[in-house]
């Protein structure tokens, strides 16, 4: 499942129950709040994808769901894979 930014309401009309939700970082919402939005929508986990300038940077955060940080390049690969299923 893909989500552009994980902002509150961005998953309103999408069934993400139990799904891993792809969230792009660097938007107007914190990494932790993105997870809270996913959890509130019923999602099971988040993939937090860096913006290009963040490269391979990862953070240790107390996430509310299982979460993994992906580099910008890895995020592009996931997007490409998802769009070509």
Protein backbone atom coordinates (compact mmCIF):
# COMPACT_ATOMS: atom_id res chain seq x y z
CA UNK A 1 0.00 0.00 0.00
CA UNK A 2 1.32 3.45 -0.81
CA UNK A 3 0.72 6.73 0.95
CA UNK A 4 2.21 9.92 -0.34
CA UNK A 5 2.90 11.60 2.95
CA UNK A 6 1.16 10.02 5.92
CA UNK A 7 -0.58 13.29 6.83
CA UNK A 8 -3.67 13.08 8.97
CA UNK A 9 -6.53 12.20 6.65
CA UNK A 10 -4.32 10.94 3.81
CA UNK A 11 -5.50 7.37 4.46
CA UNK A 12 -9.13 8.32 5.08
CA UNK A 13 -10.63 6.45 2.13
CA UNK A 14 -8.02 3.69 1.83
CA UNK A 15 -8.30 0.29 3.50
CA UNK A 16 -4.90 -0.25 5.12
CA UNK A 17 -6.04 -2.64 7.84
CA UNK A 18 -3.04 -4.81 8.73
CA UNK A 19 -1.03 -3.47 5.78
CA UNK A 20 2.50 -2.10 5.62
CA UNK A 21 2.13 1.55 4.60
CA UNK A 22 4.81 3.35 2.56
CA UNK A 23 5.33 6.90 3.86
CA UNK A 24 7.63 9.49 2.34
CA UNK A 25 9.52 11.48 4.93
CA UNK A 26 10.20 15.19 4.92
CA UNK A 27 6.61 16.26 4.58
CA UNK A 28 4.76 18.49 7.03
CA UNK A 29 4.42 15.70 9.59
CA UNK A 30 6.96 14.03 11.86
CA UNK A 31 8.13 10.44 11.49
CA UNK A 32 6.33 9.49 14.69
CA UNK A 33 3.11 11.22 13.71
CA UNK A 34 3.13 9.40 10.37
CA UNK A 35 3.07 6.14 12.31
CA UNK A 36 0.22 7.40 14.48
CA UNK A 37 -1.81 8.22 11.36
CA UNK A 38 -1.13 4.75 9.94
CA UNK A 39 -2.07 3.12 13.26
CA UNK A 40 -5.29 5.15 13.52
CA UNK A 41 -6.22 3.96 10.01
CA UNK A 42 -5.64 0.33 11.05
CA UNK A 43 -2.28 -0.14 9.35
CA UNK A 44 0.11 -2.75 10.67
CA UNK A 45 3.51 -1.16 9.99
CA UNK A 46 5.25 1.70 8.20
CA UNK A 47 8.07 2.02 5.71
CA UNK A 48 9.53 5.50 6.13
CA UNK A 49 11.34 6.56 2.98
CA UNK A 50 14.01 9.25 3.02
CA UNK A 51 14.01 12.26 0.76
CA UNK A 52 16.92 12.35 -1.70
CA UNK A 53 19.02 14.74 0.40
CA UNK A 54 18.79 12.41 3.44
CA UNK A 55 20.45 9.54 1.59
CA UNK A 56 21.01 6.55 3.87
CA UNK A 57 20.34 8.35 7.17
CA UNK A 58 18.33 6.38 9.73
CA UNK A 59 16.97 7.38 13.11
CA UNK A 60 16.12 5.60 16.32
CA UNK A 61 12.59 6.60 17.20
CA UNK A 62 10.02 5.10 19.57
CA UNK A 63 7.53 4.16 16.85
CA UNK A 64 3.95 3.19 17.67
CA UNK A 65 4.01 0.42 15.03
CA UNK A 66 6.76 -1.73 13.56
CA UNK A 67 8.69 0.61 11.27
CA UNK A 68 11.67 0.55 8.97
CA UNK A 69 13.60 3.42 7.40
CA UNK A 70 14.53 3.14 3.73
CA UNK A 71 17.03 5.14 1.74
CA UNK A 72 15.76 7.33 -1.06
CA UNK A 73 17.13 4.88 -3.66
CA UNK A 74 15.46 1.90 -1.97
CA UNK A 75 12.21 3.86 -1.82
CA UNK A 76 12.35 4.46 -5.56
CA UNK A 77 12.82 0.72 -6.08
CA UNK A 78 9.79 -0.07 -3.91
CA UNK A 79 7.68 2.47 -5.82
CA UNK A 80 8.81 1.03 -9.15
CA UNK A 81 8.03 -2.51 -8.00
CA UNK A 82 4.60 -1.57 -6.66
CA UNK A 83 3.61 0.29 -9.82
CA UNK A 84 4.68 -2.62 -12.02
CA UNK A 85 2.77 -5.42 -10.27
